Amino acid sequence: MKVTLNIVPDTQEESVEFYVHELTPAIKAYAFDLQSCGQCADDHRMATVQVAQGSVGGTEHKPAAASSQKNAHSACSEVPLQPDYFYGHKDGAIIVLREEHIVLVRMEHGSVVLYTTKGTCVSYKRLMDFESNAFSSLVRISKSALVNLNHIARIEPGFSGSLSVRLDNSMVEWISRRCVASFKKRLGM
């Protein structure tokens, strides 16, 4: 793979472009790491990757002139870049997790606790960060909890129209009344 680095003046925005044959998880991870290291904590833009439509063939792709770059970008589509992994912390160790490992995300005593298929750990992300598009299978069930739709074993009715969910790990969580409508909508009920 060819790598080129150019030093730009402080007045010019730093940028990275990838020219690849396919978007692999490794390339997504590199792009996500690069994009997140240059972001401020208060900047919540989602990283994107330009994916060219069609293949380049056997020829080397060279940067186009400024006038033809506009046309090149019109033949591209923006794909949201989602991290394939994230980290949890337990007893001083860092645990690498994927979205499918999450069973329940709950706020407990000011910390975000993750109940996963690998056990329980703490995340330094905020609860609202788990509601982003990067975590498409998580749905809010109360002010302090989100569940993974793929780990729901049963939905049980309660009193006065409330619902509870029994998860694969045998935990039971109640769905608050204000979240019932959006929960049912996500399930297609």
N, C-alpha and C. Protein backbone atom coordinates (compact mmCIF):
# COMPACT_ATOMS: atom_id res chain seq x y z
N MET A 1 0.85 -1.18 0.00
CA MET A 1 0.00 0.00 0.00
C MET A 1 0.89 1.23 0.00
N LYS A 2 0.54 2.18 -0.80
CA LYS A 2 1.31 3.42 -0.93
C LYS A 2 0.82 4.42 0.12
N VAL A 3 1.76 5.04 0.85
CA VAL A 3 1.42 6.03 1.86
C VAL A 3 2.18 7.32 1.55
N THR A 4 1.48 8.45 1.53
CA THR A 4 2.08 9.75 1.27
C THR A 4 1.70 10.70 2.39
N LEU A 5 2.69 11.39 2.97
CA LEU A 5 2.43 12.38 4.02
C LEU A 5 2.86 13.75 3.51
N ASN A 6 2.02 14.74 3.70
CA ASN A 6 2.33 16.11 3.32
C ASN A 6 2.13 17.01 4.54
N ILE A 7 3.09 17.89 4.81
CA ILE A 7 2.97 18.86 5.89
C ILE A 7 2.24 20.08 5.33
N VAL A 8 1.18 20.51 6.01
CA VAL A 8 0.39 21.65 5.55
C VAL A 8 0.54 22.79 6.54
N PRO A 9 0.33 24.04 6.10
CA PRO A 9 0.40 25.18 7.03
C PRO A 9 -0.71 25.10 8.07
N ASP A 10 -0.50 25.80 9.19
CA ASP A 10 -1.48 25.79 10.27
C ASP A 10 -2.83 26.35 9.85
N THR A 11 -2.86 27.16 8.82
CA THR A 11 -4.12 27.76 8.37
C THR A 11 -4.97 26.78 7.57
N GLN A 12 -4.38 25.71 7.10
CA GLN A 12 -5.10 24.72 6.29
C GLN A 12 -5.58 23.57 7.18
N GLU A 13 -6.78 23.09 6.91
CA GLU A 13 -7.34 21.99 7.70
C GLU A 13 -6.60 20.69 7.39
N GLU A 14 -6.32 19.91 8.45
CA GLU A 14 -5.69 18.62 8.26
C GLU A 14 -6.73 17.64 7.74
N SER A 15 -6.32 16.74 6.85
CA SER A 15 -7.27 15.76 6.31
C SER A 15 -6.53 14.49 5.91
N VAL A 16 -7.28 13.41 5.84
CA VAL A 16 -6.76 12.12 5.42
C VAL A 16 -7.74 11.55 4.40
N GLU A 17 -7.23 11.02 3.30
CA GLU A 17 -8.07 10.36 2.30
C GLU A 17 -7.57 8.95 2.09
N PHE A 18 -8.49 8.01 2.00
CA PHE A 18 -8.17 6.62 1.72
C PHE A 18 -8.65 6.29 0.30
N TYR A 19 -7.84 5.61 -0.46
CA TYR A 19 -8.23 5.09 -1.77
C TYR A 19 -8.07 3.57 -1.66
N VAL A 20 -9.16 2.85 -1.45
CA VAL A 20 -9.11 1.42 -1.18
C VAL A 20 -10.06 0.67 -2.12
N HIS A 21 -9.82 -0.62 -2.26
CA HIS A 21 -10.68 -1.46 -3.09
C HIS A 21 -11.96 -1.85 -2.37
N GLU A 22 -11.89 -2.01 -1.06
CA GLU A 22 -13.09 -2.31 -0.27
C GLU A 22 -12.92 -1.76 1.14
N LEU A 23 -14.04 -1.51 1.80
CA LEU A 23 -14.04 -0.96 3.15
C LEU A 23 -14.01 -2.11 4.15
N THR A 24 -12.82 -2.41 4.66
CA THR A 24 -12.66 -3.52 5.60
C THR A 24 -12.79 -3.00 7.03
N PRO A 25 -13.04 -3.89 8.00
CA PRO A 25 -13.11 -3.44 9.39
C PRO A 25 -11.82 -2.77 9.87
N ALA A 26 -10.68 -3.23 9.38
CA ALA A 26 -9.40 -2.62 9.79
C ALA A 26 -9.31 -1.18 9.30
N ILE A 27 -9.71 -0.93 8.06
CA ILE A 27 -9.67 0.42 7.51
C ILE A 27 -10.67 1.31 8.23
N LYS A 28 -11.85 0.77 8.55
CA LYS A 28 -12.83 1.54 9.31
C LYS A 28 -12.26 1.93 10.67
N ALA A 29 -11.56 1.00 11.32
CA ALA A 29 -10.98 1.28 12.63
C ALA A 29 -9.89 2.35 12.53
N TYR A 30 -9.03 2.26 11.51
CA TYR A 30 -7.99 3.28 11.32
C TYR A 30 -8.62 4.65 11.11
N ALA A 31 -9.62 4.71 10.24
CA ALA A 31 -10.27 5.98 9.94
C ALA A 31 -10.96 6.54 11.17
N PHE A 32 -11.62 5.68 11.95
CA PHE A 32 -12.30 6.14 13.15
C PHE A 32 -11.29 6.69 14.16
N ASP A 33 -10.17 5.98 14.34
CA ASP A 33 -9.14 6.44 15.27
C ASP A 33 -8.55 7.78 14.83
N LEU A 34 -8.27 7.92 13.54
CA LEU A 34 -7.74 9.18 13.02
C LEU A 34 -8.72 10.32 13.21
N GLN A 35 -9.99 10.05 12.91
CA GLN A 35 -11.01 11.10 13.00
C GLN A 35 -11.25 11.50 14.45
N SER A 36 -11.27 10.54 15.36
CA SER A 36 -11.58 10.86 16.76
C SER A 36 -10.41 11.53 17.47
N CYS A 37 -9.16 11.30 17.05
CA CYS A 37 -8.03 11.92 17.74
C CYS A 37 -7.95 13.42 17.46
N GLY A 38 -8.52 13.89 16.36
CA GLY A 38 -8.48 15.30 16.03
C GLY A 38 -9.72 16.05 16.44
N GLN A 39 -10.66 15.38 17.08
CA GLN A 39 -11.92 16.02 17.44
C GLN A 39 -11.89 16.55 18.86
N CYS A 40 -12.59 17.65 19.07
CA CYS A 40 -12.78 18.19 20.41
C CYS A 40 -13.85 17.36 21.11
N ALA A 41 -13.87 17.38 22.41
CA ALA A 41 -14.87 16.62 23.16
C ALA A 41 -16.28 17.11 22.90
N ASP A 42 -16.45 18.40 22.57
CA ASP A 42 -17.79 18.92 22.35
C ASP A 42 -18.23 18.83 20.90
N ASP A 43 -17.41 18.24 20.03
CA ASP A 43 -17.76 18.11 18.62
C ASP A 43 -18.31 16.71 18.40
N HIS A 44 -19.57 16.59 18.04
CA HIS A 44 -20.23 15.29 17.95
C HIS A 44 -20.47 14.86 16.51
N ARG A 45 -19.66 15.37 15.57
CA ARG A 45 -19.85 14.95 14.19
C ARG A 45 -19.49 13.48 14.05
N MET A 46 -20.28 12.75 13.23
CA MET A 46 -19.98 11.35 12.97
C MET A 46 -18.95 11.27 11.85
N ALA A 47 -17.97 10.40 12.01
CA ALA A 47 -16.96 10.23 10.97
C ALA A 47 -17.62 9.62 9.74
N THR A 48 -17.14 10.01 8.57
CA THR A 48 -17.66 9.44 7.34
C THR A 48 -16.51 9.02 6.45
N VAL A 49 -16.78 8.07 5.60
CA VAL A 49 -15.80 7.59 4.65
C VAL A 49 -16.42 7.72 3.27
N GLN A 50 -15.64 8.23 2.32
CA GLN A 50 -16.11 8.32 0.94
C GLN A 50 -15.83 6.98 0.27
N VAL A 51 -16.88 6.32 -0.22
CA VAL A 51 -16.74 5.03 -0.90
C VAL A 51 -17.05 5.25 -2.37
N ALA A 52 -16.07 5.00 -3.22
CA ALA A 52 -16.26 5.22 -4.66
C ALA A 52 -17.15 4.14 -5.24
N GLN A 53 -18.04 4.53 -6.15
CA GLN A 53 -18.90 3.59 -6.85
C GLN A 53 -18.10 3.00 -8.01
N GLY A 54 -18.05 1.68 -8.11
CA GLY A 54 -17.29 1.04 -9.19
C GLY A 54 -15.86 0.79 -8.75
N SER A 55 -15.11 0.08 -9.59
CA SER A 55 -13.73 -0.25 -9.22
C SER A 55 -12.76 0.56 -10.05
N VAL A 56 -11.54 0.66 -9.56
CA VAL A 56 -10.50 1.42 -10.22
C VAL A 56 -9.82 0.56 -11.28
N GLY A 57 -9.90 -0.76 -11.14
CA GLY A 57 -9.21 -1.64 -12.07
C GLY A 57 -7.78 -1.83 -11.64
N GLY A 58 -6.89 -2.12 -12.59
CA GLY A 58 -5.51 -2.36 -12.24
C GLY A 58 -4.67 -1.11 -12.23
N THR A 59 -5.24 0.04 -12.51
CA THR A 59 -4.45 1.26 -12.58
C THR A 59 -4.29 1.89 -11.22
N GLU A 60 -3.20 2.59 -11.04
CA GLU A 60 -2.96 3.31 -9.79
C GLU A 60 -3.82 4.56 -9.79
N HIS A 61 -4.52 4.81 -8.70
CA HIS A 61 -5.38 5.99 -8.61
C HIS A 61 -4.56 7.15 -8.09
N LYS A 62 -4.45 8.21 -8.89
CA LYS A 62 -3.68 9.39 -8.50
C LYS A 62 -4.63 10.51 -8.13
N PRO A 63 -4.26 11.40 -7.22
CA PRO A 63 -5.13 12.51 -6.86
C PRO A 63 -5.46 13.34 -8.08
N ALA A 64 -6.74 13.69 -8.21
CA ALA A 64 -7.20 14.47 -9.36
C ALA A 64 -6.95 15.94 -9.11
N ALA A 65 -7.02 16.72 -10.17
CA ALA A 65 -6.91 18.17 -10.05
C ALA A 65 -8.12 18.69 -9.31
N ALA A 66 -8.02 19.90 -8.79
CA ALA A 66 -9.10 20.46 -7.97
C ALA A 66 -10.42 20.50 -8.71
N SER A 67 -10.42 20.79 -10.02
CA SER A 67 -11.67 20.87 -10.76
C SER A 67 -12.30 19.51 -10.96
N SER A 68 -11.50 18.45 -11.13
CA SER A 68 -12.07 17.14 -11.34
C SER A 68 -12.37 16.41 -10.04
N GLN A 69 -11.85 16.91 -8.90
CA GLN A 69 -12.18 16.30 -7.62
C GLN A 69 -13.65 16.46 -7.31
N LYS A 70 -14.23 17.55 -7.73
CA LYS A 70 -15.65 17.78 -7.50
C LYS A 70 -16.46 16.68 -8.16
N ASN A 71 -16.08 16.30 -9.40
CA ASN A 71 -16.78 15.23 -10.11
C ASN A 71 -16.53 13.89 -9.45
N ALA A 72 -15.32 13.68 -8.94
CA ALA A 72 -15.02 12.41 -8.28
C ALA A 72 -15.87 12.25 -7.04
N HIS A 73 -16.06 13.35 -6.27
CA HIS A 73 -16.87 13.25 -5.05
C HIS A 73 -18.34 13.05 -5.37
N SER A 74 -18.80 13.50 -6.54
CA SER A 74 -20.20 13.29 -6.88
C SER A 74 -20.46 11.83 -7.21
N ALA A 75 -19.43 11.06 -7.58
CA ALA A 75 -19.58 9.64 -7.86
C ALA A 75 -19.38 8.80 -6.61
N CYS A 76 -19.26 9.45 -5.48
CA CYS A 76 -19.05 8.76 -4.21
C CYS A 76 -20.28 8.90 -3.34
N SER A 77 -20.41 7.97 -2.41
CA SER A 77 -21.50 8.09 -1.44
C SER A 77 -20.88 8.12 -0.06
N GLU A 78 -21.50 8.84 0.85
CA GLU A 78 -20.97 8.90 2.21
C GLU A 78 -21.55 7.76 3.02
N VAL A 79 -20.68 7.02 3.66
CA VAL A 79 -21.08 5.91 4.50
C VAL A 79 -20.71 6.26 5.93
N PRO A 80 -21.65 6.19 6.90
CA PRO A 80 -21.27 6.50 8.27
C PRO A 80 -20.23 5.50 8.76
N LEU A 81 -19.22 6.02 9.40
CA LEU A 81 -18.15 5.18 9.93
C LEU A 81 -18.47 4.84 11.37
N GLN A 82 -18.62 3.56 11.63
CA GLN A 82 -18.98 3.12 12.97
C GLN A 82 -17.84 2.28 13.52
N PRO A 83 -17.49 2.48 14.77
CA PRO A 83 -16.44 1.66 15.33
C PRO A 83 -16.93 0.23 15.48
N ASP A 84 -16.08 -0.74 15.15
CA ASP A 84 -16.48 -2.13 15.29
C ASP A 84 -16.29 -2.61 16.72
N TYR A 85 -15.62 -1.84 17.54
CA TYR A 85 -15.35 -2.25 18.91
C TYR A 85 -15.31 -1.02 19.81
N PHE A 86 -15.42 -1.26 21.10
CA PHE A 86 -15.25 -0.21 22.09
C PHE A 86 -14.73 -0.89 23.35
N TYR A 87 -14.50 -0.11 24.40
CA TYR A 87 -13.83 -0.65 25.57
C TYR A 87 -14.68 -0.53 26.82
N GLY A 88 -14.56 -1.53 27.67
CA GLY A 88 -15.13 -1.50 29.00
C GLY A 88 -13.99 -1.69 30.00
N HIS A 89 -14.21 -1.32 31.23
CA HIS A 89 -13.16 -1.40 32.25
C HIS A 89 -13.66 -2.22 33.43
N LYS A 90 -12.80 -3.14 33.90
CA LYS A 90 -13.16 -3.97 35.05
C LYS A 90 -11.90 -4.34 35.82
N ASP A 91 -11.86 -4.01 37.07
CA ASP A 91 -10.73 -4.33 37.95
C ASP A 91 -9.39 -3.88 37.36
N GLY A 92 -9.36 -2.68 36.78
CA GLY A 92 -8.14 -2.14 36.23
C GLY A 92 -7.77 -2.69 34.85
N ALA A 93 -8.53 -3.65 34.35
CA ALA A 93 -8.26 -4.21 33.03
C ALA A 93 -9.20 -3.59 32.00
N ILE A 94 -8.75 -3.57 30.77
CA ILE A 94 -9.57 -3.06 29.67
C ILE A 94 -10.14 -4.25 28.91
N ILE A 95 -11.44 -4.25 28.71
CA ILE A 95 -12.12 -5.34 28.03
C ILE A 95 -12.60 -4.83 26.67
N VAL A 96 -12.23 -5.52 25.60
CA VAL A 96 -12.64 -5.14 24.26
C VAL A 96 -14.01 -5.76 23.99
N LEU A 97 -14.96 -4.91 23.58
CA LEU A 97 -16.34 -5.36 23.37
C LEU A 97 -16.83 -4.96 21.99
N ARG A 98 -17.81 -5.68 21.51
CA ARG A 98 -18.54 -5.33 20.29
C ARG A 98 -20.00 -5.14 20.68
N GLU A 99 -20.76 -4.52 19.79
CA GLU A 99 -22.17 -4.24 20.09
C GLU A 99 -22.95 -5.51 20.42
N GLU A 100 -22.66 -6.61 19.73
CA GLU A 100 -23.41 -7.84 19.99
C GLU A 100 -23.15 -8.42 21.37
N HIS A 101 -22.08 -7.99 22.05
CA HIS A 101 -21.81 -8.45 23.41
C HIS A 101 -22.70 -7.76 24.45
N ILE A 102 -23.20 -6.57 24.13
CA ILE A 102 -23.99 -5.80 25.09
C ILE A 102 -25.37 -6.43 25.27
N VAL A 103 -25.76 -6.64 26.51
CA VAL A 103 -27.11 -7.11 26.84
C VAL A 103 -27.91 -5.94 27.38
N LEU A 104 -27.32 -5.19 28.32
CA LEU A 104 -28.00 -4.08 28.99
C LEU A 104 -26.98 -3.00 29.31
N VAL A 105 -27.37 -1.75 29.13
CA VAL A 105 -26.55 -0.60 29.52
C VAL A 105 -27.37 0.17 30.53
N ARG A 106 -26.82 0.35 31.74
CA ARG A 106 -27.60 1.00 32.79
C ARG A 106 -26.73 1.97 33.57
N MET A 107 -27.32 3.09 33.93
CA MET A 107 -26.66 4.08 34.77
C MET A 107 -26.85 3.66 36.22
N GLU A 108 -25.76 3.46 36.95
CA GLU A 108 -25.82 3.06 38.35
C GLU A 108 -24.83 3.89 39.16
N HIS A 109 -25.33 4.64 40.11
CA HIS A 109 -24.50 5.45 41.01
C HIS A 109 -23.54 6.36 40.25
N GLY A 110 -24.01 6.98 39.17
CA GLY A 110 -23.21 7.92 38.41
C GLY A 110 -22.27 7.31 37.40
N SER A 111 -22.28 5.99 37.25
CA SER A 111 -21.42 5.31 36.27
C SER A 111 -22.28 4.55 35.27
N VAL A 112 -21.78 4.42 34.05
CA VAL A 112 -22.47 3.62 33.04
C VAL A 112 -21.95 2.19 33.16
N VAL A 113 -22.84 1.28 33.55
CA VAL A 113 -22.49 -0.12 33.75
C VAL A 113 -23.00 -0.92 32.55
N LEU A 114 -22.12 -1.75 31.99
CA LEU A 114 -22.46 -2.59 30.85
C LEU A 114 -22.61 -4.02 31.32
N TYR A 115 -23.78 -4.59 31.10
CA TYR A 115 -24.00 -6.01 31.34
C TYR A 115 -23.84 -6.68 29.99
N THR A 116 -22.83 -7.52 29.87
CA THR A 116 -22.49 -8.10 28.57
C THR A 116 -22.45 -9.62 28.66
N THR A 117 -22.27 -10.25 27.52
CA THR A 117 -22.11 -11.70 27.49
C THR A 117 -20.77 -12.11 28.09
N LYS A 118 -19.85 -11.16 28.27
CA LYS A 118 -18.55 -11.41 28.87
C LYS A 118 -18.51 -11.06 30.35
N GLY A 119 -19.63 -10.60 30.91
CA GLY A 119 -19.67 -10.19 32.30
C GLY A 119 -20.08 -8.74 32.43
N THR A 120 -19.81 -8.17 33.60
CA THR A 120 -20.18 -6.79 33.89
C THR A 120 -18.93 -5.92 33.89
N CYS A 121 -19.05 -4.74 33.30
CA CYS A 121 -17.93 -3.80 33.31
C CYS A 121 -18.46 -2.38 33.27
N VAL A 122 -17.58 -1.41 33.41
CA VAL A 122 -17.94 0.00 33.43
C VAL A 122 -17.43 0.64 32.14
N SER A 123 -18.21 1.56 31.58
CA SER A 123 -17.80 2.31 30.40
C SER A 123 -17.63 3.77 30.78
N TYR A 124 -16.66 4.43 30.15
CA TYR A 124 -16.47 5.85 30.39
C TYR A 124 -17.27 6.69 29.39
N LYS A 125 -18.02 6.02 28.51
CA LYS A 125 -18.92 6.75 27.61
C LYS A 125 -20.14 7.19 28.41
N ARG A 126 -20.84 8.18 27.88
CA ARG A 126 -22.10 8.59 28.50
C ARG A 126 -23.21 7.68 28.01
N LEU A 127 -24.28 7.58 28.76
CA LEU A 127 -25.41 6.74 28.38
C LEU A 127 -25.96 7.15 27.03
N MET A 128 -26.03 8.45 26.78
CA MET A 128 -26.58 8.93 25.51
C MET A 128 -25.69 8.57 24.32
N ASP A 129 -24.40 8.30 24.54
CA ASP A 129 -23.52 7.89 23.45
C ASP A 129 -23.92 6.52 22.89
N PHE A 130 -24.55 5.70 23.71
CA PHE A 130 -24.98 4.38 23.27
C PHE A 130 -26.27 4.44 22.45
N GLU A 131 -26.90 5.61 22.38
CA GLU A 131 -28.09 5.78 21.56
C GLU A 131 -27.77 6.21 20.14
N SER A 132 -26.51 6.40 19.83
CA SER A 132 -26.12 6.88 18.50
C SER A 132 -26.34 5.79 17.46
N ASN A 133 -26.20 6.16 16.20
CA ASN A 133 -26.38 5.21 15.10
C ASN A 133 -25.35 4.09 15.13
N ALA A 134 -24.25 4.29 15.82
CA ALA A 134 -23.22 3.27 15.91
C ALA A 134 -23.72 2.04 16.66
N PHE A 135 -24.71 2.21 17.51
CA PHE A 135 -25.28 1.12 18.29
C PHE A 135 -26.73 0.94 17.87
N SER A 136 -26.94 0.36 16.70
CA SER A 136 -28.27 0.30 16.10
C SER A 136 -29.22 -0.66 16.80
N SER A 137 -28.73 -1.64 17.54
CA SER A 137 -29.63 -2.60 18.17
C SER A 137 -29.99 -2.23 19.61
N LEU A 138 -29.45 -1.11 20.11
CA LEU A 138 -29.79 -0.68 21.47
C LEU A 138 -30.98 0.27 21.44
N VAL A 139 -31.90 0.09 22.38
CA VAL A 139 -33.08 0.94 22.46
C VAL A 139 -33.28 1.35 23.92
N ARG A 140 -33.66 2.61 24.12
CA ARG A 140 -33.89 3.14 25.46
C ARG A 140 -35.19 2.58 26.02
N ILE A 141 -35.13 2.11 27.28
CA ILE A 141 -36.34 1.62 27.94
C ILE A 141 -36.69 2.44 29.17
N SER A 142 -35.78 3.27 29.61
CA SER A 142 -36.05 4.17 30.74
C SER A 142 -35.02 5.29 30.72
N LYS A 143 -35.16 6.20 31.66
CA LYS A 143 -34.22 7.32 31.74
C LYS A 143 -32.80 6.84 31.99
N SER A 144 -32.66 5.66 32.59
CA SER A 144 -31.34 5.20 32.99
C SER A 144 -30.92 3.86 32.38
N ALA A 145 -31.64 3.37 31.35
CA ALA A 145 -31.27 2.05 30.81
C ALA A 145 -31.59 1.92 29.33
N LEU A 146 -30.74 1.13 28.65
CA LEU A 146 -30.95 0.73 27.26
C LEU A 146 -30.76 -0.78 27.19
N VAL A 147 -31.52 -1.44 26.32
CA VAL A 147 -31.36 -2.88 26.13
C VAL A 147 -31.01 -3.17 24.68
N ASN A 148 -30.35 -4.31 24.48
CA ASN A 148 -30.04 -4.78 23.14
C ASN A 148 -31.22 -5.62 22.67
N LEU A 149 -31.84 -5.23 21.57
CA LEU A 149 -33.01 -5.95 21.06
C LEU A 149 -32.70 -7.40 20.74
N ASN A 150 -31.46 -7.72 20.44
CA ASN A 150 -31.06 -9.09 20.10
C ASN A 150 -30.92 -9.98 21.33
N HIS A 151 -30.98 -9.41 22.53
CA HIS A 151 -30.83 -10.20 23.75
C HIS A 151 -32.11 -10.23 24.59
N ILE A 152 -33.23 -9.86 24.00
CA ILE A 152 -34.50 -9.92 24.73
C ILE A 152 -35.07 -11.32 24.57
N ALA A 153 -35.30 -12.00 25.71
CA ALA A 153 -35.89 -13.34 25.68
C ALA A 153 -37.41 -13.26 25.65
N ARG A 154 -37.99 -12.36 26.48
CA ARG A 154 -39.45 -12.22 26.57
C ARG A 154 -39.82 -10.80 26.92
N ILE A 155 -41.02 -10.42 26.50
CA ILE A 155 -41.62 -9.16 26.91
C ILE A 155 -42.88 -9.52 27.68
N GLU A 156 -42.98 -9.04 28.90
CA GLU A 156 -44.11 -9.41 29.76
C GLU A 156 -44.92 -8.17 30.13
N PRO A 157 -46.25 -8.29 30.07
CA PRO A 157 -47.09 -7.14 30.45
C PRO A 157 -47.08 -6.95 31.97
N GLY A 158 -47.23 -5.70 32.38
CA GLY A 158 -47.31 -5.37 33.80
C GLY A 158 -48.63 -4.69 34.09
N PHE A 159 -48.69 -3.92 35.16
CA PHE A 159 -49.89 -3.20 35.53
C PHE A 159 -50.00 -1.89 34.76
N SER A 160 -51.20 -1.46 34.50
CA SER A 160 -51.49 -0.15 33.88
C SER A 160 -50.77 0.08 32.55
N GLY A 161 -50.62 -0.96 31.74
CA GLY A 161 -50.01 -0.82 30.43
C GLY A 161 -48.50 -0.81 30.41
N SER A 162 -47.87 -1.05 31.54
CA SER A 162 -46.40 -1.08 31.56
C SER A 162 -45.91 -2.44 31.05
N LEU A 163 -44.67 -2.49 30.67
CA LEU A 163 -44.06 -3.72 30.16
C LEU A 163 -42.73 -3.96 30.87
N SER A 164 -42.33 -5.22 30.92
CA SER A 164 -41.00 -5.56 31.39
C SER A 164 -40.34 -6.46 30.35
N VAL A 165 -39.03 -6.44 30.32
CA VAL A 165 -38.29 -7.32 29.41
C VAL A 165 -37.43 -8.27 30.23
N ARG A 166 -37.48 -9.53 29.84
CA ARG A 166 -36.59 -10.54 30.43
C ARG A 166 -35.49 -10.76 29.41
N LEU A 167 -34.26 -10.59 29.84
CA LEU A 167 -33.11 -10.66 28.94
C LEU A 167 -32.50 -12.06 28.94
N ASP A 168 -31.62 -12.32 27.99
CA ASP A 168 -30.97 -13.63 27.87
C ASP A 168 -30.20 -14.02 29.13
N ASN A 169 -29.70 -13.04 29.87
CA ASN A 169 -28.94 -13.33 31.09
C ASN A 169 -29.84 -13.41 32.32
N SER A 170 -31.16 -13.56 32.12
CA SER A 170 -32.18 -13.71 33.17
C SER A 170 -32.48 -12.44 33.94
N MET A 171 -31.92 -11.32 33.56
CA MET A 171 -32.24 -10.06 34.21
C MET A 171 -33.60 -9.59 33.72
N VAL A 172 -34.32 -8.87 34.59
CA VAL A 172 -35.61 -8.30 34.24
C VAL A 172 -35.51 -6.79 34.41
N GLU A 173 -35.91 -6.04 33.39
CA GLU A 173 -35.92 -4.58 33.43
C GLU A 173 -37.30 -4.09 33.06
N TRP A 174 -37.77 -3.08 33.77
CA TRP A 174 -39.07 -2.49 33.47
C TRP A 174 -38.90 -1.37 32.46
N ILE A 175 -39.85 -1.29 31.54
CA ILE A 175 -39.86 -0.23 30.54
C ILE A 175 -40.72 0.89 31.10
N SER A 176 -40.16 2.09 31.20
CA SER A 176 -40.93 3.21 31.73
C SER A 176 -42.06 3.56 30.77
N ARG A 177 -43.14 4.12 31.30
CA ARG A 177 -44.32 4.41 30.47
C ARG A 177 -44.00 5.38 29.34
N ARG A 178 -43.10 6.31 29.58
CA ARG A 178 -42.79 7.27 28.50
C ARG A 178 -41.96 6.63 27.38
N CYS A 179 -41.36 5.47 27.61
CA CYS A 179 -40.56 4.80 26.58
C CYS A 179 -41.30 3.65 25.90
N VAL A 180 -42.48 3.28 26.38
CA VAL A 180 -43.21 2.13 25.83
C VAL A 180 -43.53 2.33 24.35
N ALA A 181 -44.03 3.51 23.98
CA ALA A 181 -44.43 3.74 22.58
C ALA A 181 -43.24 3.61 21.63
N SER A 182 -42.11 4.23 21.97
CA SER A 182 -40.94 4.14 21.08
C SER A 182 -40.37 2.73 21.05
N PHE A 183 -40.45 2.01 22.18
CA PHE A 183 -39.98 0.63 22.24
C PHE A 183 -40.82 -0.25 21.32
N LYS A 184 -42.15 -0.10 21.41
CA LYS A 184 -43.05 -0.89 20.55
C LYS A 184 -42.81 -0.56 19.07
N LYS A 185 -42.56 0.69 18.79
CA LYS A 185 -42.32 1.11 17.40
C LYS A 185 -41.05 0.45 16.85
N ARG A 186 -39.99 0.40 17.67
CA ARG A 186 -38.74 -0.23 17.24
C ARG A 186 -38.92 -1.72 16.99
N LEU A 187 -39.82 -2.35 17.76
CA LEU A 187 -40.07 -3.78 17.57
C LEU A 187 -41.08 -4.06 16.47
N GLY A 188 -41.76 -3.02 16.01
CA GLY A 188 -42.79 -3.21 14.99
C GLY A 188 -44.09 -3.74 15.55
N MET A 189 -44.37 -3.44 16.81
CA MET A 189 -45.60 -3.90 17.47
C MET A 189 -46.73 -2.92 17.23
